[in-house]
């Protein structure tokens, strides 16, 4: 299967490279020519254990390539991942400018059925917003589906997280889009990784709810650390004992 990944930041580069490792033919595209030139020279802009070897291998085997030509990339691929940045605005809301720009580009180059996959971290409702942008530009006679497929990658363990995920969340509105996404993740499907199939909004909410809960655990244990300082208790032993409870788990219970 031919897959495009628009955006070669942390999420886009890891996603594209690992999908190529699974046997997909992947084109990663970015408007930053300097970054693409470096990638084509084998220079990796981020450090992530195992990523450089995966990129080197799959470029050599012609399953992975890098380009700035977004128009041809969209036309030549069935599945188009949106993996651009969504930086916070001054009021804290996510800036969807880059996502919207990509949606417009997809609409302008919609030469056949496409599965448009939101991989960026976006607010609930973004999938419908992207669909509306594409529909308004491309018209009612063009076929496409929008899918929410959030990422759950940890810096320093992103390759491992992608290869052996806790779950794969697919939010879609058609069986055709779900079937294609299962093909994209066929290696995970064969390895019996848990798949969560739902609608677009639920998939988007799963990402935000997961991020918020992890942040909550960190904030909570930091508050417990403050109490421990006042009470003369050892927060590390408190956290260890808490983490032994299967309902709580030790992950993200590290004061800092």
Protein backbone atom coordinates (compact mmCIF):
# COMPACT_ATOMS: atom_id res chain seq x y z
CA UNK A 1 0.00 0.00 0.00
CA UNK A 2 1.13 3.54 -0.77
CA UNK A 3 1.06 5.96 2.16
CA UNK A 4 1.86 9.67 2.46
CA UNK A 5 2.89 11.37 5.69
CA UNK A 6 2.67 15.15 5.61
CA UNK A 7 4.98 16.63 8.20
CA UNK A 8 8.40 15.25 9.16
CA UNK A 9 8.46 16.33 12.77
CA UNK A 10 8.70 13.89 15.65
CA UNK A 11 5.40 12.11 15.03
CA UNK A 12 5.51 12.22 11.23
CA UNK A 13 9.06 10.92 10.90
CA UNK A 14 8.56 8.06 13.35
CA UNK A 15 5.19 7.12 11.82
CA UNK A 16 6.44 7.17 8.23
CA UNK A 17 9.64 5.29 8.96
CA UNK A 18 7.97 2.57 11.02
CA UNK A 19 5.19 2.07 8.46
CA UNK A 20 7.89 1.58 5.83
CA UNK A 21 9.49 -0.99 8.13
CA UNK A 22 6.11 -2.79 8.12
CA UNK A 23 6.24 -3.00 4.33
CA UNK A 24 4.28 0.09 3.27
CA UNK A 25 5.58 2.34 0.50
CA UNK A 26 5.83 5.67 2.29
CA UNK A 27 6.48 9.19 1.08
CA UNK A 28 7.20 11.77 3.77
CA UNK A 29 6.67 15.37 2.69
CA UNK A 30 7.54 18.68 4.31
CA UNK A 31 7.58 22.32 3.18
CA UNK A 32 10.98 22.75 4.85
CA UNK A 33 13.37 22.06 1.96
CA UNK A 34 16.43 22.21 4.19
CA UNK A 35 15.03 19.46 6.42
CA UNK A 36 14.13 17.28 3.42
CA UNK A 37 17.59 17.79 1.92
CA UNK A 38 19.16 16.64 5.19
CA UNK A 39 16.92 13.58 5.37
CA UNK A 40 17.86 12.67 1.80
CA UNK A 41 21.51 12.90 2.86
CA UNK A 42 20.82 10.55 5.75
CA UNK A 43 20.90 13.26 8.42
CA UNK A 44 18.16 12.65 11.01
CA UNK A 45 16.84 15.85 12.68
CA UNK A 46 15.85 14.10 15.93
CA UNK A 47 17.45 11.46 18.12
CA UNK A 48 15.31 8.44 18.74
CA UNK A 49 16.88 5.03 19.48
CA UNK A 50 16.61 2.75 16.47
CA UNK A 51 15.12 5.34 14.13
CA UNK A 52 18.24 6.08 12.09
CA UNK A 53 18.77 2.41 11.21
CA UNK A 54 15.12 2.02 10.17
CA UNK A 55 15.32 5.07 7.92
CA UNK A 56 18.62 3.98 6.37
CA UNK A 57 17.31 0.47 5.69
CA UNK A 58 14.00 1.50 4.15
CA UNK A 59 15.44 4.29 2.00
CA UNK A 60 17.92 1.75 0.64
CA UNK A 61 15.11 -0.72 -0.06
CA UNK A 62 13.09 2.08 -1.74
CA UNK A 63 10.12 1.84 0.61
CA UNK A 64 10.75 5.27 2.14
CA UNK A 65 11.42 8.59 0.46
CA UNK A 66 11.39 12.28 1.34
CA UNK A 67 10.15 15.18 -0.79
CA UNK A 68 8.78 18.73 -0.73
CA UNK A 69 6.28 18.01 -3.55
CA UNK A 70 3.03 17.84 -1.60
CA UNK A 71 0.78 17.94 -4.68
CA UNK A 72 2.24 14.85 -6.33
CA UNK A 73 2.52 13.08 -3.00
CA UNK A 74 -1.21 13.47 -2.34
CA UNK A 75 -2.11 12.37 -5.87
CA UNK A 76 0.07 9.27 -5.77
CA UNK A 77 -1.01 7.83 -2.41
CA UNK A 78 -4.20 6.24 -1.13
CA UNK A 79 -3.70 7.08 2.56
CA UNK A 80 -2.59 10.57 3.59
CA UNK A 81 -1.50 11.11 7.20
CA UNK A 82 -1.63 14.67 8.56
CA UNK A 83 1.23 14.92 11.05
CA UNK A 84 1.91 18.65 11.21
CA UNK A 85 2.32 20.74 14.33
CA UNK A 86 -0.54 22.21 16.35
CA UNK A 87 1.27 24.75 18.56
CA UNK A 88 -0.65 26.55 21.31
CA UNK A 89 -2.02 30.03 20.65
CA UNK A 90 -1.69 32.84 23.20
CA UNK A 91 -4.93 31.70 24.85
CA UNK A 92 -3.72 28.08 25.07
CA UNK A 93 -5.96 26.75 22.29
CA UNK A 94 -4.39 24.58 19.60
CA UNK A 95 -3.45 26.45 16.43
CA UNK A 96 -4.90 24.40 13.56
CA UNK A 97 -3.46 26.60 10.79
CA UNK A 98 -1.07 23.91 9.51
CA UNK A 99 -3.75 21.21 9.65
CA UNK A 100 -6.17 23.44 7.72
CA UNK A 101 -3.52 24.24 5.10
CA UNK A 102 -2.90 20.52 4.55
CA UNK A 103 -6.65 19.88 4.27
CA UNK A 104 -6.88 22.50 1.54
CA UNK A 105 -3.95 20.94 -0.31
CA UNK A 106 -5.60 17.52 -0.13
CA UNK A 107 -8.84 18.96 -1.50
CA UNK A 108 -7.02 20.59 -4.41
CA UNK A 109 -5.32 17.30 -5.34
CA UNK A 110 -8.15 14.84 -4.72
CA UNK A 111 -7.79 12.76 -7.88
CA UNK A 112 -9.51 9.67 -6.44
CA UNK A 113 -10.68 8.12 -3.19
CA UNK A 114 -8.38 8.99 -0.27
CA UNK A 115 -8.26 8.17 3.41
CA UNK A 116 -7.21 11.33 5.24
CA UNK A 117 -5.78 10.48 8.65
CA UNK A 118 -5.46 12.99 11.48
CA UNK A 119 -2.31 11.92 13.34
CA UNK A 120 -1.60 15.32 14.87
CA UNK A 121 -2.80 16.05 18.38
CA UNK A 122 -5.97 18.02 17.70
CA UNK A 123 -9.06 19.14 19.65
CA UNK A 124 -12.27 17.12 19.49
CA UNK A 125 -14.17 18.16 16.38
CA UNK A 126 -11.11 18.64 14.18
CA UNK A 127 -11.94 15.60 12.04
CA UNK A 128 -15.30 17.08 11.09
CA UNK A 129 -13.62 20.46 10.50
CA UNK A 130 -11.09 18.86 8.14
CA UNK A 131 -13.87 17.01 6.33
CA UNK A 132 -15.81 20.24 5.85
CA UNK A 133 -12.76 22.06 4.44
CA UNK A 134 -12.09 19.27 1.93
CA UNK A 135 -15.76 18.97 0.97
CA UNK A 136 -16.18 22.72 0.44
CA UNK A 137 -13.22 22.85 -1.93
CA UNK A 138 -13.43 19.46 -3.68
CA UNK A 139 -17.20 19.32 -4.03
CA UNK A 140 -19.77 16.64 -3.32
CA UNK A 141 -18.73 14.31 -6.15
CA UNK A 142 -15.26 13.51 -4.74
CA UNK A 143 -14.90 10.49 -2.45
CA UNK A 144 -12.78 10.55 0.67
CA UNK A 145 -12.90 9.57 4.33
CA UNK A 146 -11.42 11.33 7.34
CA UNK A 147 -10.00 9.15 10.11
CA UNK A 148 -8.70 9.99 13.57
CA UNK A 149 -5.67 7.86 14.47
CA UNK A 150 -4.02 9.48 17.52
CA UNK A 151 -0.45 8.73 18.52
CA UNK A 152 0.74 7.64 21.96
CA UNK A 153 4.52 7.88 21.51
CA UNK A 154 6.99 8.57 24.31
CA UNK A 155 10.15 10.49 23.54
CA UNK A 156 13.08 8.11 23.82
CA UNK A 157 10.87 5.07 23.25
CA UNK A 158 8.85 6.13 20.19
CA UNK A 159 10.05 3.35 17.88
CA UNK A 160 9.32 0.71 20.51
CA UNK A 161 5.91 2.29 21.22
CA UNK A 162 5.03 2.27 17.53
CA UNK A 163 6.19 -1.29 16.99
CA UNK A 164 4.52 -2.67 20.12
CA UNK A 165 1.62 -0.34 20.98
CA UNK A 166 -0.68 -0.66 23.97
CA UNK A 167 -3.57 -0.06 21.57
CA UNK A 168 -4.33 1.32 18.12
CA UNK A 169 -7.23 3.76 18.01
CA UNK A 170 -9.09 4.20 14.72
CA UNK A 171 -11.96 6.66 14.55
CA UNK A 172 -13.82 6.47 11.25
CA UNK A 173 -17.26 6.78 9.67
CA UNK A 174 -17.07 4.05 7.02
CA UNK A 175 -16.20 0.36 6.93
CA UNK A 176 -14.03 1.02 3.88
CA UNK A 177 -11.81 3.44 5.81
CA UNK A 178 -11.56 1.03 8.76
CA UNK A 179 -10.57 -1.83 6.45
CA UNK A 180 -7.87 0.28 4.81
CA UNK A 181 -6.49 1.39 8.18
CA UNK A 182 -6.35 -2.25 9.30
CA UNK A 183 -4.32 -2.95 6.15
CA UNK A 184 -1.97 -0.09 7.04
CA UNK A 185 -1.51 -1.63 10.48
CA UNK A 186 -1.66 -5.22 9.24
CA UNK A 187 1.57 -6.10 11.06
CA UNK A 188 -0.03 -5.07 14.35
CA UNK A 189 -3.23 -6.90 13.44
CA UNK A 190 -1.28 -10.12 12.85
CA UNK A 191 0.54 -9.61 16.17
CA UNK A 192 -2.85 -9.27 17.91
CA UNK A 193 -2.33 -5.71 19.10
CA UNK A 194 -5.56 -4.31 20.61
CA UNK A 195 -7.60 -2.27 18.11
CA UNK A 196 -10.16 0.27 19.30
CA UNK A 197 -12.58 1.06 16.47
CA UNK A 198 -14.91 3.98 17.12
CA UNK A 199 -16.22 7.20 15.62
CA UNK A 200 -13.98 10.19 14.93
CA UNK A 201 -14.96 12.23 17.97
CA UNK A 202 -14.41 9.36 20.39
CA UNK A 203 -10.93 8.71 18.99
CA UNK A 204 -10.05 12.38 19.39
CA UNK A 205 -11.36 12.34 22.96
CA UNK A 206 -9.34 9.21 23.80
CA UNK A 207 -6.15 11.10 22.96
CA UNK A 208 -7.02 14.16 25.04
CA UNK A 209 -8.36 12.11 27.95
CA UNK A 210 -5.20 9.97 27.99
CA UNK A 211 -2.89 12.99 27.90
CA UNK A 212 -4.87 14.74 30.63
CA UNK A 213 -4.88 11.69 32.90
CA UNK A 214 -1.13 11.20 32.60
CA UNK A 215 -0.61 14.88 33.39
CA UNK A 216 -2.95 14.44 36.36
CA UNK A 217 -0.84 11.59 37.76
CA UNK A 218 2.33 13.68 37.48
CA UNK A 219 0.69 16.70 39.11
CA UNK A 220 -0.77 14.53 41.86
CA UNK A 221 2.49 12.87 42.84
CA UNK A 222 4.22 16.29 42.86
CA UNK A 223 1.59 17.53 45.31
CA UNK A 224 2.14 14.41 47.43
CA UNK A 225 5.88 15.19 47.34
CA UNK A 226 5.15 18.63 48.83
CA UNK A 227 3.11 17.01 51.61
CA UNK A 228 5.89 14.49 52.22
CA UNK A 229 8.40 17.33 52.66
CA UNK A 230 6.16 18.87 55.30
CA UNK A 231 5.43 15.57 57.05
CA UNK A 232 8.92 14.08 56.89
CA UNK A 233 7.79 11.20 54.66
CA UNK A 234 9.71 9.61 51.75
CA UNK A 235 7.76 10.35 48.54
CA UNK A 236 9.69 7.76 46.54
CA UNK A 237 8.58 4.97 48.85
CA UNK A 238 5.05 6.40 48.87
CA UNK A 239 4.99 6.35 45.06
CA UNK A 240 6.45 2.83 44.93
CA UNK A 241 3.83 1.50 47.33
CA UNK A 242 1.05 3.28 45.46
CA UNK A 243 2.27 1.83 42.17
CA UNK A 244 2.06 -1.71 43.53
CA UNK A 245 -1.71 -1.33 43.46
CA UNK A 246 -2.84 -2.75 40.13
CA UNK A 247 -5.57 -0.14 39.90
CA UNK A 248 -3.00 2.66 40.02
CA UNK A 249 0.23 1.30 38.39
CA UNK A 250 3.67 2.86 38.89
CA UNK A 251 3.78 4.64 35.52
CA UNK A 252 3.96 8.45 35.67
CA UNK A 253 4.17 8.39 39.48
CA UNK A 254 7.63 9.97 39.54
CA UNK A 255 7.91 13.30 41.38
CA UNK A 256 10.08 15.94 39.83
